[in-house]
Protein backbone atom coordinates (compact mmCIF):
# COMPACT_ATOMS: atom_id res chain seq x y z
CA MET A 1 15.82 10.32 -8.44
CA ALA A 2 14.44 11.31 -5.46
CA ASN A 3 13.56 14.67 -4.36
CA THR A 4 14.59 14.65 -0.77
CA VAL A 5 16.26 11.94 1.14
CA ILE A 6 16.58 12.51 5.35
CA LYS A 7 18.36 10.44 7.55
CA ILE A 8 18.30 10.43 11.31
CA ASN A 9 20.41 8.73 13.64
CA LEU A 10 18.30 7.52 16.77
CA ASP A 11 21.04 7.24 19.27
CA LYS A 12 20.15 10.13 21.17
CA TYR A 13 16.96 8.44 22.22
CA HIS A 14 18.98 5.51 22.76
CA ILE A 15 17.91 3.64 20.19
CA ASP A 16 19.85 1.18 17.82
CA GLY A 17 18.33 2.38 14.71
CA GLU A 18 18.08 4.69 11.76
CA ALA A 19 15.37 6.67 10.14
CA ILE A 20 15.12 7.42 6.67
CA LEU A 21 12.43 9.55 4.74
CA VAL A 22 12.54 9.82 1.15
CA VAL A 23 10.11 12.05 -1.14
CA ASP A 24 10.14 10.99 -4.47
CA THR A 25 7.64 14.03 -6.13
CA PRO A 26 6.66 16.67 -3.84
CA GLU A 27 3.80 18.78 -4.45
CA ARG A 28 3.30 22.69 -3.56
CA SER A 29 -0.22 22.16 -2.35
CA VAL A 30 -0.47 18.98 -0.63
CA PRO A 31 1.96 16.45 1.44
CA ALA A 32 3.97 13.54 -0.32
CA LYS A 33 2.30 10.20 0.91
CA GLY A 34 3.35 7.22 2.17
CA GLY A 35 4.00 4.87 5.02
CA ILE A 36 6.74 4.45 7.29
CA ARG A 37 8.20 0.67 7.32
CA ILE A 38 10.31 -0.77 10.17
CA ARG A 39 12.73 -3.73 9.67
CA GLU A 40 16.13 -4.65 11.13
CA ASN A 41 17.60 -4.80 7.70
CA LEU A 42 15.82 -1.66 5.83
CA THR A 43 17.92 0.03 3.30
CA GLU A 44 17.81 3.47 1.93
CA GLU A 45 17.54 1.97 -1.41
CA GLU A 46 14.27 -0.04 -0.48
CA VAL A 47 12.58 2.86 1.00
CA ALA A 48 13.62 5.19 -2.39
CA ALA A 49 12.10 2.18 -4.21
CA LEU A 50 9.03 2.25 -2.33
CA ALA A 51 8.80 6.11 -2.48
CA ALA A 52 8.84 6.01 -6.25
CA GLU A 53 6.03 3.11 -6.64
CA MET A 54 3.89 5.51 -4.35
CA THR A 55 4.13 8.16 -6.79
CA LYS A 56 2.85 6.06 -9.36
CA LYS A 57 0.14 4.64 -6.84
CA CYS A 58 -1.27 8.09 -6.11
CA LEU A 59 -1.16 9.21 -10.02
CA LEU A 60 -3.36 6.00 -10.93
CA ALA A 61 -5.65 6.68 -8.08
CA ASP A 62 -6.25 10.37 -9.12
CA ILE A 63 -5.44 11.42 -5.70
CA PRO A 64 -3.16 14.70 -5.54
CA PHE A 65 -0.51 13.57 -3.18
CA GLY A 66 3.16 13.38 -4.22
CA GLY A 67 5.07 10.11 -3.12
CA ALA A 68 7.32 9.41 -0.43
CA LYS A 69 8.08 6.49 2.12
CA GLY A 70 9.14 6.68 5.60
CA GLY A 71 11.11 3.59 7.32
CA ILE A 72 13.00 2.92 10.30
CA ARG A 73 16.23 0.30 10.48
CA LEU A 74 15.46 -0.84 13.74
CA LYS A 75 17.54 -3.51 15.95
CA ASN A 76 14.87 -4.18 18.44
CA LEU A 77 11.46 -4.57 17.05
CA GLU A 78 9.87 -4.09 20.87
CA GLU A 79 10.94 -0.06 20.59
CA VAL A 80 8.85 0.49 17.71
CA GLU A 81 6.46 2.98 19.53
CA LYS A 82 9.84 4.82 20.94
CA ALA A 83 11.32 4.61 17.47
CA MET A 84 8.04 6.35 15.80
CA TYR A 85 8.14 8.68 18.56
CA ALA A 86 11.39 9.89 18.15
CA PHE A 87 11.05 10.11 14.33
CA GLY A 88 7.78 12.42 14.51
CA ARG A 89 9.68 15.00 16.96
CA GLU A 90 12.80 14.88 15.14
CA LEU A 91 11.13 15.90 11.64
CA ALA A 92 8.70 18.24 13.40
CA LYS A 93 11.80 20.18 14.68
CA MET A 94 12.58 20.48 10.99
CA ASP A 95 9.37 22.18 10.21
CA PHE A 96 8.80 19.39 7.33
CA LEU A 97 5.64 18.16 9.09
CA PRO A 98 2.72 18.40 8.36
CA TYR A 99 2.58 20.04 4.99
CA LYS A 100 5.64 18.42 3.27
CA TRP A 101 5.20 14.83 3.89
CA CYS A 102 1.96 12.93 5.63
CA ALA A 103 2.94 9.50 7.01
CA ALA A 104 0.71 6.02 7.55
CA PRO A 105 1.15 2.53 8.56
CA ASP A 106 3.45 -0.05 6.77
CA VAL A 107 5.03 -3.21 7.71
CA ASN A 108 5.39 -3.55 11.31
CA THR A 109 3.58 -0.21 12.11
CA ASP A 110 -0.14 -0.18 12.80
CA SER A 111 -2.35 2.76 14.33
CA LYS A 112 -0.83 2.36 18.03
CA ALA A 113 2.63 3.08 16.11
CA VAL A 114 1.19 6.12 14.32
CA ASP A 115 -0.14 7.60 17.32
CA SER A 116 3.29 7.65 19.02
CA PHE A 117 4.47 9.11 15.64
CA ILE A 118 1.94 12.01 16.08
CA ALA A 119 2.75 12.33 19.88
CA GLY A 120 6.18 12.86 18.79
CA CYS A 121 4.98 15.50 16.22
CA ALA A 122 2.71 17.41 18.81
CA SER A 123 5.43 17.60 21.60
CA VAL A 124 7.06 20.45 19.02
CA MET A 125 4.12 21.56 16.85
CA GLY A 126 0.99 21.00 19.18
CA TRP A 127 -2.04 18.22 18.35
CA ARG A 128 -3.87 20.53 15.72
CA LYS A 129 -1.14 20.38 13.36
CA ALA A 130 0.31 16.76 14.03
CA ARG A 131 -2.72 15.09 13.39
CA LEU A 132 -2.48 16.08 9.85
CA ALA A 133 1.36 14.69 10.12
CA ALA A 134 -0.11 11.20 9.46
CA THR A 135 -3.00 8.69 8.55
CA GLY A 136 -4.12 5.48 9.79
CA LYS A 137 -4.06 6.55 13.20
CA SER A 138 -6.62 5.02 15.89
CA THR A 139 -8.97 8.30 16.16
CA GLY A 140 -9.14 8.32 12.16
CA ILE A 141 -9.49 5.42 9.66
CA PRO A 142 -7.05 2.77 11.36
CA HIS A 143 -5.39 0.37 8.84
CA GLU A 144 -6.45 -2.50 10.76
CA LEU A 145 -9.84 -2.19 9.29
CA GLY A 146 -8.34 -3.61 6.14
CA SER A 147 -8.49 -0.94 3.67
CA THR A 148 -5.56 -2.18 1.39
CA ALA A 149 -6.98 -6.02 1.79
CA TYR A 150 -10.69 -4.52 0.67
CA GLY A 151 -8.97 -3.06 -2.41
CA VAL A 152 -6.98 -6.24 -3.36
CA VAL A 153 -9.81 -8.23 -3.18
CA LEU A 154 -11.84 -6.19 -5.05
CA SER A 155 -8.90 -6.11 -8.04
CA ILE A 156 -8.91 -9.84 -7.96
CA GLU A 157 -12.92 -10.01 -8.26
CA GLU A 158 -12.85 -7.16 -11.02
CA THR A 159 -10.08 -8.85 -12.94
CA ILE A 160 -11.52 -12.51 -12.96
CA ALA A 161 -14.76 -10.67 -14.27
CA GLU A 162 -12.93 -8.22 -16.95
CA LEU A 163 -10.87 -10.91 -18.36
CA ASN A 164 -13.44 -13.65 -17.91
CA LEU A 165 -11.10 -16.26 -16.37
CA ASP A 166 -12.04 -19.78 -16.14
CA PHE A 167 -12.82 -19.53 -12.16
CA LYS A 168 -15.12 -17.69 -10.11
CA MET A 169 -14.66 -16.01 -6.88
CA THR A 170 -17.03 -18.37 -5.14
CA GLY A 171 -14.92 -21.74 -4.92
CA ALA A 172 -11.42 -20.22 -6.35
CA SER A 173 -8.33 -21.67 -4.39
CA VAL A 174 -6.19 -19.28 -2.85
CA ILE A 175 -2.68 -19.10 -1.12
CA ILE A 176 -1.98 -16.10 1.01
CA GLU A 177 1.64 -14.70 1.33
CA GLY A 178 1.93 -12.98 4.88
CA THR A 179 -0.81 -12.91 7.58
CA GLY A 180 -0.33 -9.17 8.64
CA GLU A 181 -2.82 -6.38 8.07
CA VAL A 182 -3.34 -7.31 4.20
CA GLY A 183 -2.99 -10.82 4.31
CA GLY A 184 -5.01 -11.34 7.45
CA ASN A 185 -7.73 -9.04 6.47
CA ALA A 186 -7.68 -10.61 2.78
CA ILE A 187 -8.35 -14.33 4.33
CA THR A 188 -11.49 -12.86 6.01
CA LEU A 189 -12.82 -10.76 2.89
CA LEU A 190 -12.02 -13.94 0.39
CA SER A 191 -13.82 -16.98 2.54
CA GLU A 192 -16.70 -14.10 2.66
CA LYS A 193 -16.70 -14.31 -1.27
CA GLY A 194 -16.79 -18.15 -0.85
CA SER A 195 -12.99 -18.80 -1.71
CA VAL A 196 -11.14 -21.62 -0.40
CA ILE A 197 -7.85 -20.76 1.58
CA LEU A 198 -5.57 -23.40 0.68
CA GLY A 199 -2.49 -22.04 2.68
CA VAL A 200 -1.09 -19.12 4.31
CA SER A 201 2.86 -18.45 5.24
CA ASP A 202 4.90 -15.87 7.38
CA ILE A 203 8.53 -15.60 8.38
CA THR A 204 7.93 -19.15 10.57
CA GLY A 205 6.76 -21.14 7.65
CA ALA A 206 4.32 -22.24 5.55
CA LEU A 207 0.86 -24.16 5.85
CA TYR A 208 -0.85 -26.10 3.01
CA CYS A 209 -3.60 -27.97 2.60
CA GLU A 210 -5.33 -29.49 -0.59
CA THR A 211 -8.69 -29.42 0.61
CA GLY A 212 -8.81 -25.94 2.07
CA ILE A 213 -8.16 -24.61 5.58
CA GLU A 214 -10.93 -23.78 7.67
CA ALA A 215 -11.12 -19.66 7.52
CA GLU A 216 -12.85 -18.67 10.37
CA LYS A 217 -11.01 -20.67 12.69
CA LEU A 218 -7.86 -19.42 11.08
CA THR A 219 -8.70 -15.74 11.41
CA ARG A 220 -9.55 -16.12 14.71
CA LEU A 221 -5.88 -17.74 15.71
CA ILE A 222 -4.49 -14.92 13.41
CA GLU A 223 -5.88 -12.41 15.39
CA GLN A 224 -4.58 -13.83 18.68
CA LYS A 225 -1.15 -13.34 17.13
CA LYS A 226 -0.27 -16.86 16.44
CA SER A 227 2.53 -17.39 13.74
CA VAL A 228 1.93 -20.07 11.12
CA LYS A 229 4.64 -22.45 12.74
CA ASP A 230 2.05 -22.28 15.78
CA LEU A 231 -0.97 -22.69 13.47
CA ALA A 232 0.26 -26.37 12.15
CA ALA A 233 -0.58 -27.80 15.63
CA GLU A 234 -4.07 -26.29 15.22
CA PHE A 235 -4.69 -27.79 11.45
CA PRO A 236 -3.33 -31.55 11.51
CA ALA A 237 -4.57 -32.16 8.33
CA ALA A 238 -2.22 -29.53 6.67
CA GLU A 239 1.07 -29.79 5.76
CA PHE A 240 3.73 -27.53 7.14
CA GLN A 241 7.03 -26.45 5.66
CA ALA A 242 9.61 -24.06 7.64
CA ASP A 243 10.79 -22.34 4.47
CA PRO A 244 7.97 -19.93 3.84
CA ALA A 245 8.42 -19.60 0.13
CA SER A 246 7.44 -23.31 -0.49
CA LEU A 247 3.80 -22.06 -0.29
CA LEU A 248 4.55 -19.82 -3.47
CA VAL A 249 4.78 -22.85 -5.84
CA LYS A 250 1.81 -24.56 -4.55
CA GLN A 251 -1.12 -25.42 -6.50
CA ALA A 252 -3.78 -22.96 -6.51
CA ASP A 253 -6.04 -20.48 -8.73
CA ILE A 254 -5.09 -17.14 -6.81
CA LEU A 255 -1.71 -16.38 -5.27
CA VAL A 256 -2.19 -13.37 -2.77
CA LEU A 257 1.17 -11.69 -1.85
CA ALA A 258 0.90 -9.75 1.02
CA GLY A 259 4.62 -10.20 2.48
CA PRO A 260 7.65 -7.69 2.75
CA GLY A 261 8.05 -7.74 -1.19
CA ARG A 262 10.01 -9.14 -3.32
CA SER A 263 9.46 -12.75 -3.27
CA LEU A 264 9.20 -13.91 -6.56
CA ASN A 265 12.31 -14.67 -7.81
CA GLU A 266 14.16 -15.91 -10.90
CA LYS A 267 13.38 -19.64 -9.29
CA ASN A 268 10.09 -19.59 -8.46
CA CYS A 269 8.85 -17.39 -11.01
CA LEU A 270 9.41 -20.83 -13.57
CA GLN A 271 7.45 -22.88 -10.98
CA LEU A 272 4.21 -21.24 -10.11
CA LYS A 273 1.03 -23.21 -10.51
CA VAL A 274 -1.29 -20.31 -10.50
CA LYS A 275 -3.53 -18.50 -12.76
CA LEU A 276 -3.98 -14.98 -11.15
CA ILE A 277 -1.66 -12.98 -8.83
CA ALA A 278 -2.73 -9.88 -6.47
CA GLU A 279 0.42 -7.80 -5.45
CA GLY A 280 -1.01 -6.82 -1.88
CA ALA A 281 2.97 -6.34 -1.36
CA ASN A 282 4.85 -3.18 -3.04
CA ILE A 283 7.26 -4.54 -5.26
CA ALA A 284 6.74 -8.26 -5.57
CA TYR A 285 8.98 -9.29 -7.95
CA ALA A 286 12.88 -9.23 -7.03
CA GLN A 287 13.74 -8.32 -10.75
CA HIS A 288 11.37 -6.42 -13.41
CA ALA A 289 12.15 -8.81 -16.27
CA LEU A 290 10.67 -11.78 -14.29
CA ARG A 291 7.36 -9.84 -15.11
CA ASP A 292 7.94 -11.00 -18.62
CA VAL A 293 8.53 -14.41 -17.59
CA VAL A 294 5.09 -14.78 -15.64
CA CYS A 295 3.15 -13.23 -18.39
CA ALA A 296 4.79 -15.59 -21.04
CA ARG A 297 3.61 -18.55 -18.81
CA GLY A 298 -0.21 -17.02 -19.36
CA ILE A 299 -0.46 -15.90 -15.61
CA TYR A 300 -2.07 -12.62 -14.81
CA SER A 301 -0.45 -10.64 -12.29
CA ILE A 302 -2.30 -7.40 -10.71
CA PRO A 303 0.47 -4.81 -10.18
CA GLY A 304 0.65 -3.47 -6.42
CA ILE A 305 0.40 0.24 -7.66
CA ILE A 306 -3.03 -1.11 -8.29
CA ALA A 307 -3.97 -3.74 -6.41
CA ASN A 308 -2.92 -2.54 -2.97
CA SER A 309 -3.79 1.19 -3.56
CA GLY A 310 -6.60 0.89 -0.91
CA GLY A 311 -4.16 1.75 1.75
CA VAL A 312 -3.38 4.90 0.29
CA ILE A 313 -7.17 6.07 -0.70
CA SER A 314 -8.10 5.48 2.37
CA SER A 315 -5.31 7.59 3.67
CA TYR A 316 -6.33 10.36 1.67
CA GLU A 317 -10.13 10.24 2.69
CA GLU A 318 -8.99 10.30 6.18
CA TRP A 319 -6.67 13.54 5.47
CA MET A 320 -9.44 15.17 3.58
CA MET A 321 -11.91 14.59 6.70
CA GLU A 322 -9.10 16.03 9.22
CA THR A 323 -8.94 19.46 7.05
CA GLU A 324 -12.70 19.33 6.54
CA THR A 325 -12.72 18.97 10.36
CA LEU A 326 -15.10 15.75 9.90
CA ILE A 327 -13.00 13.08 11.60
CA HIS A 328 -15.42 13.19 14.53
CA LEU A 329 -17.79 11.17 12.33
CA PRO A 330 -18.64 7.37 13.40
CA LEU A 331 -16.44 4.95 12.35
CA GLU A 332 -18.81 3.49 10.07
CA GLU A 333 -19.65 6.34 8.35
CA LYS A 334 -16.01 6.92 7.67
CA TRP A 335 -15.62 3.65 6.55
CA SER A 336 -18.19 3.70 4.47
CA ARG A 337 -16.83 6.79 2.47
CA VAL A 338 -13.41 4.99 2.19
CA LYS A 339 -14.93 1.93 0.76
CA LYS A 340 -16.93 4.09 -1.85
CA SER A 341 -13.85 5.98 -3.11
CA ILE A 342 -11.70 2.31 -3.18
CA GLU A 343 -14.45 0.84 -5.53
CA LYS A 344 -14.67 4.23 -7.78
CA ARG A 345 -10.75 4.41 -7.96
CA ILE A 346 -9.56 0.46 -8.40
CA LYS A 347 -12.57 -0.47 -10.56
CA ARG A 348 -11.35 2.22 -13.17
CA ASN A 349 -7.77 0.92 -13.18
CA ILE A 350 -8.62 -2.48 -13.44
CA GLN A 351 -11.09 -2.10 -16.03
CA GLU A 352 -8.78 0.06 -18.10
CA LEU A 353 -5.90 -2.38 -17.47
CA CYS A 354 -7.75 -5.14 -18.53
CA ALA A 355 -8.77 -3.24 -21.95
CA LYS A 356 -5.26 -3.16 -22.61
CA ILE A 357 -4.48 -6.57 -21.69
CA ARG A 358 -7.18 -7.69 -24.38
CA THR A 359 -5.61 -5.43 -26.66
CA ASP A 360 -1.70 -6.51 -26.28
CA GLY A 361 -1.61 -9.69 -24.06
CA THR A 362 2.39 -9.82 -24.87
CA LYS A 363 3.05 -6.89 -22.35
CA ASN A 364 3.15 -8.15 -18.90
CA SER A 365 0.68 -6.15 -16.75
CA TYR A 366 3.12 -3.75 -14.95
CA ASP A 367 4.22 -1.95 -18.02
CA LEU A 368 0.92 -1.87 -19.29
CA THR A 369 0.19 0.01 -15.98
CA LEU A 370 2.77 2.50 -16.49
CA GLU A 371 1.41 3.54 -19.83
CA MET A 372 -1.82 4.04 -17.76
CA ALA A 373 0.19 6.50 -15.36
CA GLU A 374 2.10 8.08 -18.35
CA GLU A 375 -0.95 8.76 -19.93
CA ARG A 376 -2.62 10.17 -16.47
CA MET A 377 0.64 12.22 -16.33
CA GLU A 378 0.09 13.68 -19.81
CA THR A 379 -3.33 14.67 -18.79
CA VAL A 380 -2.51 16.20 -15.57
CA SER A 381 0.42 18.37 -16.96
CA LEU A 382 -1.73 19.42 -19.87
CA GLU A 383 -4.60 20.80 -17.72
CA SER A 384 -1.83 22.30 -15.29
CA LYS A 385 -0.61 24.23 -18.44
CA LYS A 386 -3.89 25.62 -19.43
CA LEU A 387 -4.68 26.39 -15.83
CA ARG A 388 -1.37 28.36 -15.75
CA VAL A 389 -2.04 29.81 -18.85
CA LEU A 390 -5.83 31.07 -17.81
CA THR A 391 -4.16 32.54 -14.71
CA LYS A 392 -1.62 34.36 -16.23
CA ARG A 393 -4.31 36.09 -18.68
CA ILE A 394 -6.77 36.97 -16.16
CA ASN A 395 -3.82 38.56 -13.76
CA LYS A 396 -2.70 40.45 -16.66
CA GLU A 397 -6.40 41.66 -17.41
CA LEU A 398 -6.70 42.96 -13.64
CA GLU A 399 -3.48 44.27 -13.47
CA GLU A 400 -4.26 46.38 -16.50
CA ARG A 401 -7.95 47.24 -15.38
CA PHE A 402 -6.46 48.41 -11.64
CA ALA A 403 -3.28 49.87 -12.83
CA VAL A 404 -4.68 53.48 -12.62
CA TYR A 405 -5.19 52.99 -8.59
CA THR A 406 -1.39 52.23 -8.20
CA GLY A 407 -0.09 55.07 -10.09
């Protein structure tokens, strides 16, 4: 059960919407972490589920943050920056930021939106404290650089190697759900690895070509904010379907899920024609039981709490650089630090997960990952207990030694 739920009606800012913050696991020494998702039909249940996922993600990545998630149910998506400013300002008035929660981008938010959130905070608490209230800002390490996608592609590469799958990154065929920050950057990174992009989708439809879609041209058009429906005219050899879900059941080696989540359902899980799924999206499955269905079909699925953790790892590095007053470093130097951190943390998790898969392939990968999280939690709890005992003993010795000076 969530520890804290805050709801803020945005009517006073003449915005048709409601901001929601759910803190799943607060920490005493550092803030809880989680991005801000904006959708017209966003619910508290969705935000709470994402907050719980963030708790596991931080634990697995060996990051000391607690888990949280922010969201704004917004009628007009042209008011994203205005709504973000309002959200930041109202939370700052509650003295909740920056020590209890640190925000970041998510669905329909980017570095500019985060800048607006920080500006709202700064209008109450000043700029220095406000800068600690969010990561992924334009003057920090913008998530548009592709930290989440970098982790997704790395997790794919490591899984293929660890499980000795019957295909390689070079030449692997890929379909990608979503063309936003995660999906768009994944197209670039996968094509650089020599993979062949067969299809992409967004809310306007799906595009698929058995012989592949030219990745460089595709990336350029996506950067111009072209929708998949608009892309159809640019790739006449590709098949366009108005239903974006149609892409999920196409033939490919790899399926990258980078949409809003819960896209794998009871129907399409039985129709999947891929060998490996990388969950770039949070909560990729509509129901947990469907993971067993996919596993029984011999399809490997890399859980989002590992695969898409590059975003929160990047956020942690940015937060650390803010606290260390190193945020002024050149972007190339900051990005190098982020990539090294992602590689270290995700490689460790993939290696551990694949070892569990080789030992017990009957369990779905998400349940195996939860076992990893529980083992990490036990270790953290044991170390915390040892530290408390040691601190108590030292304090008692010091009190006895210096009692003479206090009478």
